[in-house]
Amino acid sequence: MSQSAQGSPTEATRLLCAGTYLDIDFRRRVIEELVEHEERPIAPSLGVDVVPVLTHALRARGQDTLTALLLLVLWTGFFAVDKASAPEGAEAPVPIWSTAYAVVCFVHWGAYAAAGRGSAAYVVDKRTLRQALRGSGSPRALRVLLPVGVPLLTLSYWAFTFWALSQGANNWVGIIFPLLLAVPVWMHRARVAAVMRAELGQEVFAQLPRPFPNSPYHLRIAQAIDREQYAGLTIYDPSRPFIGMGFPYEPWSFALELKRRKGVEDDTGGSLAPFTGRTIVELIRPRLEALREAAAATSRDRLKDLEIEEFVYLPVGPQRPMVAYDDHTVRRHLAESVNEGGEARRYFLRVRVGAWDEQVVVSVLVRVHTQGGMLVLEVVPHVLTPVRPEFRAVDVIAARGEDDLLRDGVRALLTAPAAGFASAVSMVRSAVSGFRTWLADPRRAVPDGPADSVRELAAAKEVSLFQEMDVSRYVKTVQDRIASGVRDALRSQGYETDQFEQQIVQINEGGIYIGAMSGGAVAQGAGAEAKHLTGTGGGGR
C-alpha cells in the first residue's frame, strides 16, 4: 500500500490537480477514464491520490462551462448589434467586426492546437506557445510563423478598428465588445488564481482536508477509487498489463534447473524439502528491509523510504462493484497465487522508490515460482517519469498577489481570444461527454481493465541525467538484493548455486547479463552489446 500517498498529499498529486485547470486535454482524458468508463477499475496509484485530481478536474470543467455560457451571451449580443449597425440599404447585412474578431479568436486557439497542446481557458502567457512548438516536432515554418503571426494578427485587428474609427466609421461595436469579452476571462482567471493560492499552493495543499466531488454520482466513483487505488490487488486486461507503472526499464528473467548439492540430504531420508515461491520471497524481503534501514541510518537517500508490498494481478471478470478489496480477500489471493505460477492470476513482490518528491517513481516487480524441478525468476522494473513541467505554473500563479488586478486584467485582455475559444470547446466537449456517458450507461457495460493511468497521462516524456542516474542506481541496488536473496534461498535448501551465479554476471558497464554462459555472450566497454541468439538466455546492456 502506497504509504507516501496515503500518509500525506504528495507533490505529484498537487501538480496533477493544478494540471486540470491548465490543460484541457489532460482534464478531458482524466474525466473520460474515470467517469465515462466507470466500468473500469482504476490502475494502481503510485505516489498520487486520484480522488483530489478527479475533484479538481470536475470543478475546472464546471468553471470553464460557466465562462463559456457568459461568453456565449456576449457573443450573441456582439453579432446582433454588429448586424443591426451595418450600413443601411444592404440586402444582407454582414456582421463585419464580430466576424473579424471571431477569426482572431479562432487563430489564437488554433495556434495552441497546432503546437500539439490543448489550451485551457486559463492561458498562462505566450511563452507556453513557443515552448510547446519547440518540443512538438512541428515544421520549422510553423515554429517561426505562429509565435509572431498570432500577435501580429491581433495587433492588425485593433489597428484597423481604431483607424476606421478615426475615419468616421461607426465601428464602436468592434471595440466595446472585444473589451467586454475579456471580462468573463478576467473573472475566470481570478477564480483559478484563487484556487491556486488557497488550495494548491505548496504550503496550504498538505494542510487542507481532502476534497471530494459534490454530486452523488461522482462521489460514488470517488469512493470506488478509494477502494481500489491502494489495494493489494488490481484488475487488468491481458492486452494491457502493468498500466500505471510507467515504462518498462530493462526487464529480465531466467529459468534454472534445481539440482541438489552432492552429499546434502535432509531429515526425510533424501527427499527434497518443500521449496516454493514463498520460501524465496521470505528470504528476499529481509534483505530489502535491511537496505531500507541502512539507508535511513546513514543518509538521506530515497532508499530509506523504500516500500515493499505483495501484489496480485487478477484478470477481468465480474462487474466492478462485485470485486472485493477487503483485507481478507486480498490475503487469500496473495496466499493462493504466490506458489501457483498461473497465467491469469499473477503474484508479484513490488518494491517501490518514490524519488524527487514522487516525481520519479521506480517500481521493481518480482515474480518467482518453482514447478517441475525448475526455478523461474522474473524481474520487471518500471519507471514513472516526472509530471509535465508546464503544470508547475501553479506556483507562478499562486505567488501573484490578490491586489494585482490591473496587471491581471491586461493579461486577460491579451489571452482572451484563445481562452474564450478554449472555454467554448470545453463546454461542447462536456456536453458531448455527458450525453455519451448517459447513453452508454457505463455501470452496466462489459467489465474491463484500466486503459490509462491518471499519473501516466501527466508524465513527461524524458527524465534528466541526474534522474536517470538515480533510476539506474535504485534498480541495480534492488536487483542485487533480489539476487542475493534467491542465492541464499538456494543454499539454505541445499541446492547448487553455481549455475545461478553464472547466469547473473556483473559486467564493467554495471549491466546484468542473463543467460547460461555456454550459450550466451558478455559485452564489455562503452557502447558494447551482448546478444543471445539461442537457448533460454537474454541479452544485457
Protein backbone atom coordinates (compact mmCIF):
# COMPACT_ATOMS: atom_id res chain seq x y z
CA MET A 1 0.00 0.00 0.00
CA SER A 2 1.44 3.36 -1.01
CA GLN A 3 2.44 4.85 2.26
CA SER A 4 3.57 8.16 0.87
CA ALA A 5 0.35 8.74 -0.99
CA GLN A 6 -1.82 7.72 1.94
CA GLY A 7 0.08 9.42 4.74
CA SER A 8 0.19 12.95 3.27
CA PRO A 9 -0.62 14.65 -0.03
CA THR A 10 2.29 14.40 -2.43
CA GLU A 11 3.83 16.97 -4.75
CA ALA A 12 2.75 14.90 -7.75
CA THR A 13 -0.88 14.99 -6.56
CA ARG A 14 -0.74 18.78 -6.20
CA LEU A 15 0.67 19.25 -9.70
CA LEU A 16 -1.89 16.93 -11.25
CA CYS A 17 -4.70 18.84 -9.56
CA ALA A 18 -3.29 22.07 -10.99
CA GLY A 19 -2.91 20.48 -14.41
CA THR A 20 -6.68 20.02 -14.68
CA TYR A 21 -7.02 23.82 -14.82
CA LEU A 22 -4.07 24.39 -17.14
CA ASP A 23 -4.51 21.69 -19.80
CA ILE A 24 -7.92 20.95 -21.25
CA ASP A 25 -6.77 17.72 -22.93
CA PHE A 26 -5.37 16.31 -19.70
CA ARG A 27 -8.59 17.16 -17.89
CA ARG A 28 -10.69 15.60 -20.65
CA ARG A 29 -8.72 12.33 -20.52
CA VAL A 30 -8.95 12.16 -16.72
CA ILE A 31 -12.73 12.53 -16.82
CA GLU A 32 -13.01 10.15 -19.76
CA GLU A 33 -11.10 7.38 -17.98
CA LEU A 34 -12.65 7.81 -14.52
CA VAL A 35 -16.22 8.91 -15.31
CA GLU A 36 -17.10 7.91 -18.85
CA HIS A 37 -15.64 4.45 -18.26
CA GLU A 38 -16.93 3.79 -14.79
CA GLU A 39 -16.87 0.06 -15.56
CA ARG A 40 -13.04 0.13 -15.45
CA PRO A 41 -11.28 -0.21 -12.09
CA ILE A 42 -8.55 2.33 -11.55
CA ALA A 43 -4.92 1.47 -12.22
CA PRO A 44 -2.58 1.30 -9.19
CA SER A 45 -1.78 4.80 -7.93
CA LEU A 46 1.93 5.26 -7.31
CA GLY A 47 2.67 8.44 -5.39
CA VAL A 48 -0.65 10.05 -6.37
CA ASP A 49 -4.09 10.34 -4.80
CA VAL A 50 -6.52 10.27 -7.72
CA VAL A 51 -9.62 11.45 -5.83
CA PRO A 52 -8.47 15.10 -5.47
CA VAL A 53 -7.38 15.08 -9.12
CA LEU A 54 -10.85 13.97 -10.22
CA THR A 55 -12.47 16.52 -7.90
CA HIS A 56 -10.46 19.41 -9.33
CA ALA A 57 -10.98 18.15 -12.90
CA LEU A 58 -14.76 18.31 -12.41
CA ARG A 59 -14.54 21.74 -10.78
CA ALA A 60 -12.31 23.06 -13.58
CA ARG A 61 -14.75 21.77 -16.18
CA GLY A 62 -17.61 23.46 -14.37
CA GLN A 63 -15.74 26.79 -14.29
CA ASP A 64 -14.98 26.55 -17.99
CA THR A 65 -18.64 25.88 -18.69
CA LEU A 66 -19.73 28.93 -16.67
CA THR A 67 -17.22 31.11 -18.52
CA ALA A 68 -18.37 29.72 -21.86
CA LEU A 69 -22.03 30.50 -21.09
CA LEU A 70 -21.19 34.11 -20.20
CA LEU A 71 -19.15 34.44 -23.37
CA LEU A 72 -22.00 32.94 -25.41
CA VAL A 73 -24.33 35.66 -24.18
CA LEU A 74 -21.81 38.36 -25.09
CA TRP A 75 -21.07 36.84 -28.50
CA THR A 76 -24.79 36.69 -29.25
CA GLY A 77 -25.07 40.38 -28.41
CA PHE A 78 -21.93 41.12 -30.43
CA PHE A 79 -23.31 39.53 -33.60
CA ALA A 80 -26.78 41.00 -33.13
CA VAL A 81 -25.61 44.57 -32.53
CA ASP A 82 -22.97 44.34 -35.25
CA LYS A 83 -25.53 43.16 -37.76
CA ALA A 84 -28.01 45.85 -36.71
CA SER A 85 -25.40 48.57 -37.07
CA ALA A 86 -24.50 47.57 -40.66
CA PRO A 87 -24.89 50.29 -43.33
CA GLU A 88 -28.46 50.95 -44.38
CA GLY A 89 -29.58 49.61 -47.72
CA ALA A 90 -27.61 46.37 -47.56
CA GLU A 91 -29.81 43.43 -48.52
CA ALA A 92 -27.96 41.01 -46.22
CA PRO A 93 -26.02 42.95 -43.62
CA VAL A 94 -22.77 41.21 -42.78
CA PRO A 95 -21.56 41.48 -39.14
CA ILE A 96 -18.06 42.58 -40.17
CA TRP A 97 -16.43 43.31 -36.81
CA SER A 98 -17.79 40.30 -34.94
CA THR A 99 -16.75 38.01 -37.80
CA ALA A 100 -13.27 39.52 -37.93
CA TYR A 101 -12.78 39.15 -34.18
CA ALA A 102 -14.11 35.59 -34.31
CA VAL A 103 -11.36 34.81 -36.84
CA VAL A 104 -8.78 36.32 -34.47
CA CYS A 105 -10.05 34.12 -31.61
CA PHE A 106 -10.03 31.00 -33.77
CA VAL A 107 -6.45 31.62 -34.93
CA HIS A 108 -5.31 32.18 -31.33
CA TRP A 109 -6.82 28.90 -30.19
CA GLY A 110 -5.69 27.08 -33.33
CA ALA A 111 -2.10 28.12 -32.68
CA TYR A 112 -2.05 26.14 -29.45
CA ALA A 113 -3.72 23.18 -31.13
CA ALA A 114 -1.09 23.29 -33.89
CA ALA A 115 1.59 23.22 -31.21
CA GLY A 116 0.25 19.87 -30.06
CA ARG A 117 -1.29 21.19 -26.85
CA GLY A 118 -4.87 21.79 -25.85
CA SER A 119 -5.04 25.17 -24.17
CA ALA A 120 -7.30 25.68 -21.19
CA ALA A 121 -9.39 28.75 -20.55
CA TYR A 122 -6.54 29.87 -18.30
CA VAL A 123 -3.69 30.63 -20.70
CA VAL A 124 -0.50 31.47 -18.79
CA ASP A 125 1.44 33.52 -21.35
CA LYS A 126 2.75 33.45 -24.90
CA ARG A 127 5.96 31.71 -23.90
CA THR A 128 4.00 28.50 -23.45
CA LEU A 129 3.22 28.60 -27.17
CA ARG A 130 6.89 28.95 -28.08
CA GLN A 131 7.90 26.17 -25.68
CA ALA A 132 5.17 23.86 -26.97
CA LEU A 133 6.13 24.49 -30.57
CA ARG A 134 9.81 23.92 -29.82
CA GLY A 135 9.14 20.47 -28.38
CA SER A 136 6.24 19.38 -30.57
CA GLY A 137 8.14 18.36 -33.69
CA SER A 138 6.26 21.00 -35.73
CA PRO A 139 7.69 22.17 -39.07
CA ARG A 140 10.22 24.97 -38.85
CA ALA A 141 7.96 27.36 -40.75
CA LEU A 142 5.20 26.78 -38.20
CA ARG A 143 7.55 27.31 -35.27
CA VAL A 144 8.63 30.63 -36.72
CA LEU A 145 5.28 31.87 -38.02
CA LEU A 146 2.84 31.18 -35.19
CA PRO A 147 4.54 32.98 -32.26
CA VAL A 148 4.92 36.06 -34.49
CA GLY A 149 1.88 35.81 -36.70
CA VAL A 150 -0.71 35.41 -33.94
CA PRO A 151 0.17 38.64 -32.05
CA LEU A 152 0.55 40.43 -35.39
CA LEU A 153 -2.97 39.41 -36.41
CA THR A 154 -4.39 40.73 -33.13
CA LEU A 155 -2.47 43.97 -33.47
CA SER A 156 -3.74 44.36 -37.02
CA TYR A 157 -7.33 43.97 -35.85
CA TRP A 158 -7.01 46.70 -33.23
CA ALA A 159 -5.05 48.99 -35.56
CA PHE A 160 -7.71 48.65 -38.24
CA THR A 161 -10.61 49.28 -35.83
CA PHE A 162 -9.05 52.48 -34.46
CA TRP A 163 -8.10 53.62 -37.96
CA ALA A 164 -11.67 53.07 -39.14
CA LEU A 165 -12.95 54.98 -36.11
CA SER A 166 -10.63 57.90 -36.92
CA GLN A 167 -12.08 57.95 -40.44
CA GLY A 168 -15.57 58.49 -39.06
CA ALA A 169 -16.81 54.93 -39.26
CA ASN A 170 -19.43 53.87 -36.74
CA ASN A 171 -17.41 50.85 -35.54
CA TRP A 172 -17.64 51.26 -31.78
CA VAL A 173 -19.09 47.71 -31.69
CA GLY A 174 -15.72 46.28 -32.79
CA ILE A 175 -14.01 47.98 -29.84
CA ILE A 176 -16.51 47.72 -26.99
CA PHE A 177 -17.47 44.05 -27.35
CA PRO A 178 -13.91 42.63 -27.55
CA LEU A 179 -13.23 44.51 -24.30
CA LEU A 180 -16.42 43.11 -22.77
CA LEU A 181 -15.45 39.60 -23.91
CA ALA A 182 -12.29 39.90 -21.82
CA VAL A 183 -14.34 40.38 -18.63
CA PRO A 184 -15.54 36.74 -18.24
CA VAL A 185 -11.99 35.59 -18.98
CA TRP A 186 -10.72 38.00 -16.32
CA MET A 187 -13.25 36.60 -13.84
CA HIS A 188 -12.27 33.05 -14.78
CA ARG A 189 -8.58 33.81 -14.26
CA ALA A 190 -9.40 35.32 -10.88
CA ARG A 191 -11.30 32.18 -9.81
CA VAL A 192 -8.50 29.87 -10.97
CA ALA A 193 -5.86 32.03 -9.28
CA ALA A 194 -7.88 31.90 -6.04
CA VAL A 195 -7.91 28.08 -6.19
CA MET A 196 -4.17 28.01 -6.86
CA ARG A 197 -3.45 30.27 -3.90
CA ALA A 198 -5.98 28.95 -1.39
CA GLU A 199 -5.95 25.22 -2.19
CA LEU A 200 -3.00 24.26 -4.40
CA GLY A 201 -0.16 26.35 -3.02
CA GLN A 202 2.86 24.45 -1.73
CA GLU A 203 2.26 25.45 1.88
CA VAL A 204 -1.53 25.05 2.05
CA PHE A 205 -2.12 21.92 -0.02
CA ALA A 206 -0.95 19.46 2.63
CA GLN A 207 -2.91 21.22 5.40
CA LEU A 208 -6.37 21.29 3.84
CA PRO A 209 -8.85 18.42 4.10
CA ARG A 210 -9.01 16.03 1.18
CA PRO A 211 -11.51 17.30 -1.41
CA PHE A 212 -14.33 15.12 -2.73
CA PRO A 213 -16.81 15.66 -5.59
CA ASN A 214 -20.12 17.24 -4.67
CA SER A 215 -22.61 15.27 -6.75
CA PRO A 216 -23.73 11.82 -5.51
CA TYR A 217 -22.90 10.32 -8.92
CA HIS A 218 -19.27 11.45 -8.86
CA LEU A 219 -19.00 10.75 -5.14
CA ARG A 220 -19.82 7.10 -5.82
CA ILE A 221 -16.98 6.97 -8.35
CA ALA A 222 -14.60 8.60 -5.87
CA GLN A 223 -15.48 6.02 -3.23
CA ALA A 224 -14.77 3.21 -5.74
CA ILE A 225 -11.40 4.81 -6.50
CA ASP A 226 -10.60 4.88 -2.79
CA ARG A 227 -11.27 1.15 -2.52
CA GLU A 228 -9.01 0.33 -5.46
CA GLN A 229 -6.11 2.74 -5.83
CA TYR A 230 -4.02 1.46 -2.88
CA ALA A 231 -5.34 -2.10 -2.65
CA GLY A 232 -3.05 -5.12 -2.77
CA LEU A 233 -4.70 -6.36 -5.95
CA THR A 234 -5.72 -4.86 -9.26
CA ILE A 235 -7.81 -5.94 -12.21
CA TYR A 236 -6.05 -5.97 -15.56
CA ASP A 237 -6.74 -6.69 -19.20
CA PRO A 238 -4.28 -9.26 -20.65
CA SER A 239 -3.60 -6.96 -23.61
CA ARG A 240 -2.75 -4.04 -21.27
CA PRO A 241 -0.64 -5.30 -18.36
CA PHE A 242 1.18 -3.07 -15.87
CA ILE A 243 -0.98 0.01 -16.52
CA GLY A 244 0.03 2.69 -14.01
CA MET A 245 3.61 1.50 -13.51
CA GLY A 246 5.20 3.64 -16.22
CA PHE A 247 7.51 2.31 -18.90
CA PRO A 248 9.49 -0.95 -18.56
CA TYR A 249 13.14 -0.49 -17.61
CA GLU A 250 15.24 -3.44 -18.78
CA PRO A 251 13.07 -6.36 -17.57
CA TRP A 252 14.74 -9.74 -17.36
CA SER A 253 14.04 -13.33 -16.39
CA PHE A 254 15.58 -16.78 -16.37
CA ALA A 255 14.74 -20.40 -15.70
CA LEU A 256 17.07 -22.60 -13.65
CA GLU A 257 17.01 -26.33 -13.07
CA LEU A 258 17.08 -27.16 -9.34
CA LYS A 259 19.89 -29.53 -8.55
CA ARG A 260 20.66 -30.77 -5.07
CA ARG A 261 24.25 -30.35 -3.93
CA LYS A 262 26.18 -33.56 -3.63
CA GLY A 263 26.28 -35.01 -0.13
CA VAL A 264 23.34 -32.92 1.06
CA GLU A 265 20.41 -34.87 2.47
CA ASP A 266 17.56 -33.73 4.62
CA ASP A 267 15.93 -35.37 7.56
CA THR A 268 13.31 -37.04 5.43
CA GLY A 269 15.69 -39.62 4.03
CA GLY A 270 16.84 -37.83 0.91
CA SER A 271 13.60 -36.41 -0.44
CA LEU A 272 13.66 -32.69 -1.27
CA ALA A 273 12.41 -30.32 1.39
CA PRO A 274 9.50 -28.02 0.32
CA PHE A 275 10.97 -25.25 -1.78
CA THR A 276 8.35 -22.77 -3.00
CA GLY A 277 8.00 -19.22 -4.18
CA ARG A 278 7.02 -18.22 -0.67
CA THR A 279 10.34 -19.59 0.61
CA ILE A 280 12.26 -17.31 -1.73
CA VAL A 281 10.06 -14.25 -1.11
CA GLU A 282 10.59 -14.57 2.65
CA LEU A 283 14.36 -14.53 2.09
CA ILE A 284 14.29 -11.60 -0.34
CA ARG A 285 12.16 -9.36 1.88
CA PRO A 286 14.61 -9.16 4.87
CA ARG A 287 17.42 -8.06 2.55
CA LEU A 288 15.29 -5.27 1.13
CA GLU A 289 14.22 -4.21 4.61
CA ALA A 290 17.86 -4.17 5.72
CA LEU A 291 18.68 -1.96 2.74
CA ARG A 292 15.97 0.49 3.77
CA GLU A 293 17.15 0.56 7.38
CA ALA A 294 20.77 1.07 6.40
CA ALA A 295 19.88 3.96 4.10
CA ALA A 296 17.75 5.58 6.81
CA ALA A 297 20.55 5.29 9.38
CA THR A 298 23.38 6.63 7.25
CA SER A 299 21.99 9.02 4.62
CA ARG A 300 19.08 10.96 3.18
CA ASP A 301 18.88 8.66 0.19
CA ARG A 302 15.36 7.88 -1.02
CA LEU A 303 16.06 4.21 -0.41
CA LYS A 304 15.24 4.96 3.23
CA ASP A 305 11.59 5.28 2.13
CA LEU A 306 11.63 2.10 0.06
CA GLU A 307 8.25 0.38 0.12
CA ILE A 308 7.85 -3.42 -0.02
CA GLU A 309 4.48 -5.00 -0.58
CA GLU A 310 2.93 -8.10 -2.06
CA PHE A 311 0.68 -7.53 -5.02
CA VAL A 312 -1.54 -9.69 -7.21
CA TYR A 313 -2.97 -9.11 -10.68
CA LEU A 314 -6.42 -10.54 -11.39
CA PRO A 315 -7.86 -10.89 -14.91
CA VAL A 316 -11.03 -9.10 -15.87
CA GLY A 317 -14.01 -10.99 -14.53
CA PRO A 318 -17.02 -9.77 -12.53
CA GLN A 319 -18.53 -6.30 -12.66
CA ARG A 320 -16.54 -3.59 -10.88
CA PRO A 321 -18.79 -3.32 -7.79
CA MET A 322 -18.59 -7.10 -7.31
CA VAL A 323 -14.79 -7.17 -6.88
CA ALA A 324 -13.84 -7.38 -3.20
CA TYR A 325 -10.83 -5.40 -1.95
CA ASP A 326 -11.10 -6.17 1.77
CA ASP A 327 -8.00 -7.38 3.62
CA HIS A 328 -9.24 -10.95 3.99
CA THR A 329 -9.86 -11.33 0.24
CA VAL A 330 -6.53 -9.76 -0.68
CA ARG A 331 -4.61 -12.01 1.73
CA ARG A 332 -6.37 -15.05 0.31
CA HIS A 333 -5.41 -14.15 -3.25
CA LEU A 334 -1.82 -13.49 -2.20
CA ALA A 335 -1.54 -16.78 -0.33
CA GLU A 336 -3.01 -18.80 -3.18
CA SER A 337 -1.14 -17.13 -6.04
CA VAL A 338 2.39 -16.91 -4.63
CA ASN A 339 3.17 -20.54 -5.45
CA GLU A 340 0.82 -21.36 -8.31
CA GLY A 341 2.71 -19.76 -11.22
CA GLY A 342 -0.52 -19.34 -13.15
CA GLU A 343 -1.04 -17.40 -16.35
CA ALA A 344 -4.09 -15.35 -15.35
CA ARG A 345 -3.68 -14.60 -11.63
CA ARG A 346 -0.13 -13.36 -11.11
CA TYR A 347 1.66 -12.67 -7.84
CA PHE A 348 4.45 -10.09 -7.56
CA LEU A 349 6.59 -8.71 -4.80
CA ARG A 350 6.55 -4.98 -5.55
CA VAL A 351 9.42 -2.77 -4.42
CA ARG A 352 8.80 0.95 -4.87
CA VAL A 353 11.01 4.02 -4.53
CA GLY A 354 9.36 7.44 -4.84
CA ALA A 355 12.20 9.82 -5.68
CA TRP A 356 12.31 13.54 -6.38
CA ASP A 357 9.17 14.25 -4.32
CA GLU A 358 7.32 11.39 -6.05
CA GLN A 359 8.22 12.89 -9.43
CA VAL A 360 10.26 9.82 -10.40
CA VAL A 361 8.76 6.52 -9.24
CA VAL A 362 10.77 3.33 -9.60
CA SER A 363 8.90 0.06 -9.16
CA VAL A 364 10.59 -3.34 -9.32
CA LEU A 365 8.13 -6.24 -9.68
CA VAL A 366 9.49 -9.67 -8.73
CA ARG A 367 7.76 -12.95 -9.58
CA VAL A 368 9.25 -16.29 -8.62
CA HIS A 369 7.82 -19.80 -8.80
CA THR A 370 9.16 -23.34 -8.63
CA GLN A 371 7.44 -26.10 -10.55
CA GLY A 372 8.68 -29.26 -12.21
CA GLY A 373 12.11 -29.05 -10.63
CA MET A 374 12.67 -25.58 -12.11
CA LEU A 375 13.14 -22.15 -10.59
CA VAL A 376 11.72 -19.28 -12.67
CA LEU A 377 12.59 -15.72 -11.67
CA GLU A 378 11.04 -12.68 -13.39
CA VAL A 379 12.15 -9.14 -12.54
CA VAL A 380 10.23 -6.32 -14.21
CA PRO A 381 11.42 -2.79 -13.31
CA HIS A 382 9.21 0.14 -14.31
CA VAL A 383 9.76 3.89 -14.16
CA LEU A 384 7.23 6.72 -13.94
CA THR A 385 8.70 9.92 -15.35
CA PRO A 386 8.15 13.36 -13.75
CA VAL A 387 4.95 15.35 -14.06
CA ARG A 388 4.97 17.66 -17.08
CA PRO A 389 6.85 20.88 -16.28
CA GLU A 390 4.10 23.20 -17.52
CA PHE A 391 1.95 22.13 -14.56
CA ARG A 392 4.42 23.97 -12.31
CA ALA A 393 2.81 27.21 -13.46
CA VAL A 394 0.63 26.72 -10.37
CA ASP A 395 3.44 28.18 -8.25
CA VAL A 396 3.76 31.23 -10.51
CA ILE A 397 0.02 31.85 -10.36
CA ALA A 398 -0.18 31.25 -6.61
CA ALA A 399 2.66 33.72 -5.99
CA ARG A 400 0.81 36.58 -7.65
CA GLY A 401 -0.94 38.86 -5.20
CA GLU A 402 -4.69 39.28 -4.99
CA ASP A 403 -4.35 43.06 -5.38
CA ASP A 404 -2.62 42.83 -8.77
CA LEU A 405 -5.89 43.50 -10.59
CA LEU A 406 -4.63 45.85 -13.29
CA ARG A 407 -1.80 43.59 -14.45
CA ASP A 408 -4.06 40.54 -14.44
CA GLY A 409 -6.68 42.48 -16.37
CA VAL A 410 -4.14 43.21 -19.10
CA ARG A 411 -3.19 39.52 -19.16
CA ALA A 412 -6.87 38.63 -19.51
CA LEU A 413 -7.22 41.04 -22.44
CA LEU A 414 -4.18 39.53 -24.20
CA THR A 415 -5.21 35.92 -23.63
CA ALA A 416 -8.98 36.40 -24.06
CA PRO A 417 -9.12 35.33 -27.74
CA ALA A 418 -7.57 31.90 -27.12
CA ALA A 419 -9.11 31.45 -23.67
CA GLY A 420 -12.62 32.26 -24.85
CA PHE A 421 -12.50 29.77 -27.69
CA ALA A 422 -10.96 27.15 -25.39
CA SER A 423 -13.80 27.55 -22.90
CA ALA A 424 -16.32 27.11 -25.73
CA VAL A 425 -14.58 23.93 -26.85
CA SER A 426 -14.54 22.72 -23.24
CA MET A 427 -18.30 23.33 -22.88
CA VAL A 428 -19.08 21.46 -26.10
CA ARG A 429 -16.89 18.55 -25.06
CA SER A 430 -18.52 18.49 -21.63
CA ALA A 431 -21.97 18.30 -23.20
CA VAL A 432 -20.85 15.51 -25.54
CA SER A 433 -19.18 13.67 -22.65
CA GLY A 434 -22.30 13.88 -20.50
CA PHE A 435 -24.56 12.67 -23.29
CA ARG A 436 -22.16 9.86 -24.20
CA THR A 437 -21.93 8.73 -20.58
CA TRP A 438 -25.72 8.79 -20.19
CA LEU A 439 -26.19 6.88 -23.43
CA ALA A 440 -23.56 4.20 -22.68
CA ASP A 441 -24.58 3.70 -19.03
CA PRO A 442 -21.04 2.51 -18.09
CA ARG A 443 -22.15 0.90 -14.81
CA ARG A 444 -23.80 -1.83 -16.89
CA ALA A 445 -21.10 -2.08 -19.53
CA VAL A 446 -18.97 -5.17 -20.12
CA PRO A 447 -16.28 -5.39 -17.39
CA ASP A 448 -12.89 -4.11 -18.50
CA GLY A 449 -9.45 -3.40 -17.08
CA PRO A 450 -7.92 0.09 -16.82
CA ALA A 451 -6.87 1.58 -20.16
CA ASP A 452 -4.99 4.61 -18.82
CA SER A 453 -3.41 5.79 -15.61
CA VAL A 454 -4.03 9.36 -14.44
CA ARG A 455 -0.40 9.61 -13.33
CA GLU A 456 0.88 8.35 -16.69
CA LEU A 457 -1.34 10.81 -18.57
CA ALA A 458 0.53 13.66 -16.85
CA ALA A 459 4.02 12.20 -17.24
CA ALA A 460 6.77 13.93 -19.19
CA LYS A 461 8.49 12.04 -21.98
CA GLU A 462 12.00 12.27 -20.58
CA VAL A 463 13.97 12.38 -17.35
CA SER A 464 17.03 14.48 -16.60
CA LEU A 465 20.51 12.99 -16.45
CA PHE A 466 20.51 13.17 -12.63
CA GLN A 467 17.17 11.39 -12.51
CA GLU A 468 18.37 8.73 -14.94
CA MET A 469 21.41 8.12 -12.75
CA ASP A 470 19.17 7.71 -9.70
CA VAL A 471 16.83 5.34 -11.53
CA SER A 472 19.75 3.16 -12.60
CA ARG A 473 21.14 3.12 -9.07
CA TYR A 474 17.84 2.20 -7.45
CA VAL A 475 17.12 -0.59 -9.93
CA LYS A 476 20.58 -2.11 -9.68
CA THR A 477 20.62 -1.91 -5.89
CA VAL A 478 17.25 -3.60 -5.55
CA GLN A 479 18.17 -6.23 -8.12
CA ASP A 480 21.34 -7.03 -6.18
CA ARG A 481 19.28 -7.65 -3.04
CA ILE A 482 16.90 -9.84 -5.02
CA ALA A 483 19.76 -11.88 -6.45
CA SER A 484 21.35 -12.35 -3.03
CA GLY A 485 18.01 -13.45 -1.56
CA VAL A 486 17.50 -16.05 -4.29
CA ARG A 487 21.06 -17.30 -3.90
CA ASP A 488 20.69 -17.67 -0.14
CA ALA A 489 17.35 -19.43 -0.63
CA LEU A 490 19.01 -21.96 -2.89
CA ARG A 491 21.87 -22.51 -0.45
CA SER A 492 19.61 -22.86 2.57
CA GLN A 493 17.68 -25.64 0.85
CA GLY A 494 20.84 -27.45 -0.25
CA TYR A 495 20.64 -26.64 -3.96
CA GLU A 496 23.54 -25.85 -6.24
CA THR A 497 24.15 -22.13 -6.86
CA ASP A 498 26.97 -22.26 -9.41
CA GLN A 499 24.66 -22.07 -12.39
CA PHE A 500 22.64 -19.29 -10.78
CA GLU A 501 25.75 -17.22 -10.11
CA GLN A 502 26.93 -17.90 -13.63
CA GLN A 503 23.68 -16.62 -15.12
CA ILE A 504 23.82 -13.28 -13.28
CA VAL A 505 27.11 -11.66 -14.26
CA GLN A 506 28.02 -8.13 -13.27
CA ILE A 507 29.92 -6.57 -16.17
CA ASN A 508 32.01 -3.41 -16.37
CA GLU A 509 29.13 -1.23 -17.57
CA GLY A 510 27.14 -2.16 -14.49
CA GLY A 511 24.58 -4.05 -16.59
CA ILE A 512 23.28 -7.53 -15.89
CA TYR A 513 23.71 -10.37 -18.35
CA ILE A 514 21.09 -13.07 -18.14
CA GLY A 515 21.76 -16.41 -19.77
CA ALA A 516 23.87 -19.52 -19.42
CA MET A 517 27.47 -18.79 -20.33
CA SER A 518 27.66 -21.82 -22.61
CA GLY A 519 25.11 -20.31 -24.94
CA GLY A 520 25.44 -16.58 -24.36
CA ALA A 521 27.80 -13.67 -24.69
CA VAL A 522 29.31 -11.00 -22.47
CA ALA A 523 29.89 -7.43 -23.61
CA GLN A 524 32.36 -5.05 -22.01
CA GLY A 525 33.29 -1.45 -22.62
CA ALA A 526 31.38 1.68 -23.63
CA GLY A 527 28.74 1.09 -26.28
CA ALA A 528 29.21 -2.68 -26.26
CA GLU A 529 26.23 -5.01 -26.59
CA ALA A 530 25.61 -8.59 -25.63
CA LYS A 531 23.19 -10.67 -27.66
CA HIS A 532 21.96 -14.17 -27.04
CA LEU A 533 20.51 -15.93 -30.06
CA THR A 534 19.88 -19.48 -28.81
CA GLY A 535 18.92 -21.13 -25.55
CA THR A 536 16.96 -19.58 -22.72
CA GLY A 537 19.12 -16.55 -22.02
CA GLY A 538 18.61 -12.96 -22.96
CA GLY A 539 20.75 -10.00 -23.75
CA GLY A 540 22.35 -7.46 -21.45
CA ARG A 541 23.40 -3.92 -21.89
